[in-house]
Amino acid sequence: MNGLRGMAWLLVFQSIGELLSRGLSLPLPGPVLGMMLMLAGLRFAVVREPVAECASFLLAHLSLLFVPVGVGVMTHLALLGQYGGRMLVVIALSTWIGLAVTALVLYWPDRRKKA
């Protein structure tokens, strides 16, 4: 039952984020705002404990969330054959760019301390 409360909290924070994003015409997506609100909400045990139980359940069954992606890939194999090479290049480049930016962001505070 606590896991259902956690799922309810996740949906409540996402819904509030969507309402704020659309209602105030903010440039951030609703789920991002919802995650920021949830981060603040996790300071309270009434939110933290059910969300932790729900997160444990979702992580234990994470592989099931990839089934729709696999079905989508199988459904659109022709597109994958047509654009697969380009997609592979874009995925590889974006991964390397993300890693580089992360490394620079993590390196930057350490460099400021030494200066």
Protein backbone atom coordinates (compact mmCIF):
# COMPACT_ATOMS: atom_id res chain seq x y z
CA MET A 1 0.00 0.00 0.00
CA ASN A 2 2.90 2.33 0.74
CA GLY A 3 4.17 1.81 -2.82
CA LEU A 4 0.86 3.04 -4.20
CA ARG A 5 1.16 6.15 -2.06
CA GLY A 6 4.61 6.67 -3.53
CA MET A 7 3.26 6.37 -7.07
CA ALA A 8 0.52 8.83 -6.14
CA TRP A 9 3.15 11.28 -4.88
CA LEU A 10 5.12 10.91 -8.11
CA LEU A 11 2.01 11.61 -10.18
CA VAL A 12 0.98 14.54 -7.97
CA PHE A 13 4.37 16.22 -8.35
CA GLN A 14 4.40 15.62 -12.09
CA SER A 15 0.88 17.03 -12.42
CA ILE A 16 1.75 20.12 -10.40
CA GLY A 17 4.84 20.59 -12.57
CA GLU A 18 2.71 20.31 -15.72
CA LEU A 19 0.20 22.81 -14.36
CA LEU A 20 2.95 25.29 -13.49
CA SER A 21 4.74 24.82 -16.79
CA ARG A 22 1.65 25.28 -18.93
CA GLY A 23 -0.13 27.78 -16.71
CA LEU A 24 2.85 30.12 -16.40
CA SER A 25 4.21 29.39 -19.92
CA LEU A 26 7.58 28.42 -18.47
CA PRO A 27 10.35 27.17 -20.78
CA LEU A 28 10.92 24.07 -18.59
CA PRO A 29 8.92 20.88 -19.16
CA GLY A 30 6.37 19.94 -16.52
CA PRO A 31 8.10 16.71 -15.46
CA VAL A 32 11.33 18.63 -14.81
CA LEU A 33 9.49 21.12 -12.61
CA GLY A 34 7.75 18.20 -10.91
CA MET A 35 11.12 16.57 -10.15
CA MET A 36 12.38 19.81 -8.62
CA LEU A 37 9.27 20.02 -6.47
CA MET A 38 9.66 16.37 -5.50
CA LEU A 39 13.27 17.04 -4.50
CA ALA A 40 11.96 19.61 -2.04
CA GLY A 41 9.20 17.23 -0.93
CA LEU A 42 11.65 14.42 -0.20
CA ARG A 43 12.77 16.32 2.88
CA PHE A 44 9.59 15.10 4.57
CA ALA A 45 9.18 11.48 5.69
CA VAL A 46 5.53 11.41 4.62
CA VAL A 47 6.75 11.81 1.02
CA ARG A 48 10.20 10.19 1.22
CA GLU A 49 9.23 6.76 2.57
CA PRO A 50 6.43 5.91 0.08
CA VAL A 51 8.45 7.29 -2.85
CA ALA A 52 11.46 5.19 -1.79
CA GLU A 53 9.32 2.04 -1.76
CA CYS A 54 7.81 2.87 -5.15
CA ALA A 55 11.25 3.63 -6.59
CA SER A 56 12.59 0.30 -5.33
CA PHE A 57 9.72 -1.52 -7.02
CA LEU A 58 10.21 0.35 -10.30
CA LEU A 59 13.95 -0.28 -10.29
CA ALA A 60 13.41 -3.97 -9.62
CA HIS A 61 11.18 -4.17 -12.71
CA LEU A 62 13.08 -1.70 -14.89
CA SER A 63 13.66 -4.24 -17.66
CA LEU A 64 9.91 -4.38 -18.33
CA LEU A 65 9.95 -0.70 -19.25
CA PHE A 66 12.15 -1.51 -22.25
CA VAL A 67 9.58 -3.85 -23.83
CA PRO A 68 7.64 -1.03 -25.58
CA VAL A 69 10.90 0.34 -26.98
CA GLY A 70 11.81 -3.07 -28.36
CA VAL A 71 8.38 -3.45 -29.94
CA GLY A 72 8.71 0.02 -31.49
CA VAL A 73 12.09 -0.86 -32.98
CA MET A 74 10.73 -4.10 -34.42
CA THR A 75 7.73 -2.26 -35.86
CA HIS A 76 9.89 0.32 -37.62
CA LEU A 77 12.75 -1.83 -38.88
CA ALA A 78 12.53 -0.20 -42.33
CA LEU A 79 13.22 3.22 -40.80
CA LEU A 80 16.07 1.75 -38.80
CA GLY A 81 17.55 0.35 -42.00
CA GLN A 82 17.16 3.71 -43.72
CA TYR A 83 18.38 5.98 -40.94
CA GLY A 84 20.24 3.53 -38.67
CA GLY A 85 23.72 4.77 -39.55
CA ARG A 86 22.79 8.40 -38.93
CA MET A 87 21.09 7.49 -35.68
CA LEU A 88 24.16 5.59 -34.52
CA VAL A 89 26.40 8.59 -35.26
CA VAL A 90 24.04 10.99 -33.47
CA ILE A 91 23.74 8.70 -30.43
CA ALA A 92 27.51 8.22 -30.24
CA LEU A 93 28.25 11.96 -30.64
CA SER A 94 25.62 13.03 -28.12
CA THR A 95 26.92 10.46 -25.62
CA TRP A 96 30.49 11.71 -25.99
CA ILE A 97 29.39 15.35 -25.77
CA GLY A 98 27.39 14.56 -22.63
CA LEU A 99 30.37 12.79 -21.07
CA ALA A 100 32.68 15.69 -21.95
CA VAL A 101 30.32 18.30 -20.49
CA THR A 102 29.88 16.22 -17.33
CA ALA A 103 33.64 15.84 -16.95
CA LEU A 104 34.17 19.58 -17.43
CA VAL A 105 31.45 20.46 -14.93
CA LEU A 106 32.93 18.09 -12.36
CA TYR A 107 36.47 19.32 -13.04
CA TRP A 108 35.60 23.05 -12.91
CA PRO A 109 34.97 23.40 -9.12
CA ASP A 110 38.17 21.48 -8.34
CA ARG A 111 40.13 23.80 -10.61
CA ARG A 112 38.70 26.90 -8.90
CA LYS A 113 39.81 25.58 -5.49
CA LYS A 114 43.40 25.20 -6.66
CA ALA A 115 43.56 28.70 -8.16
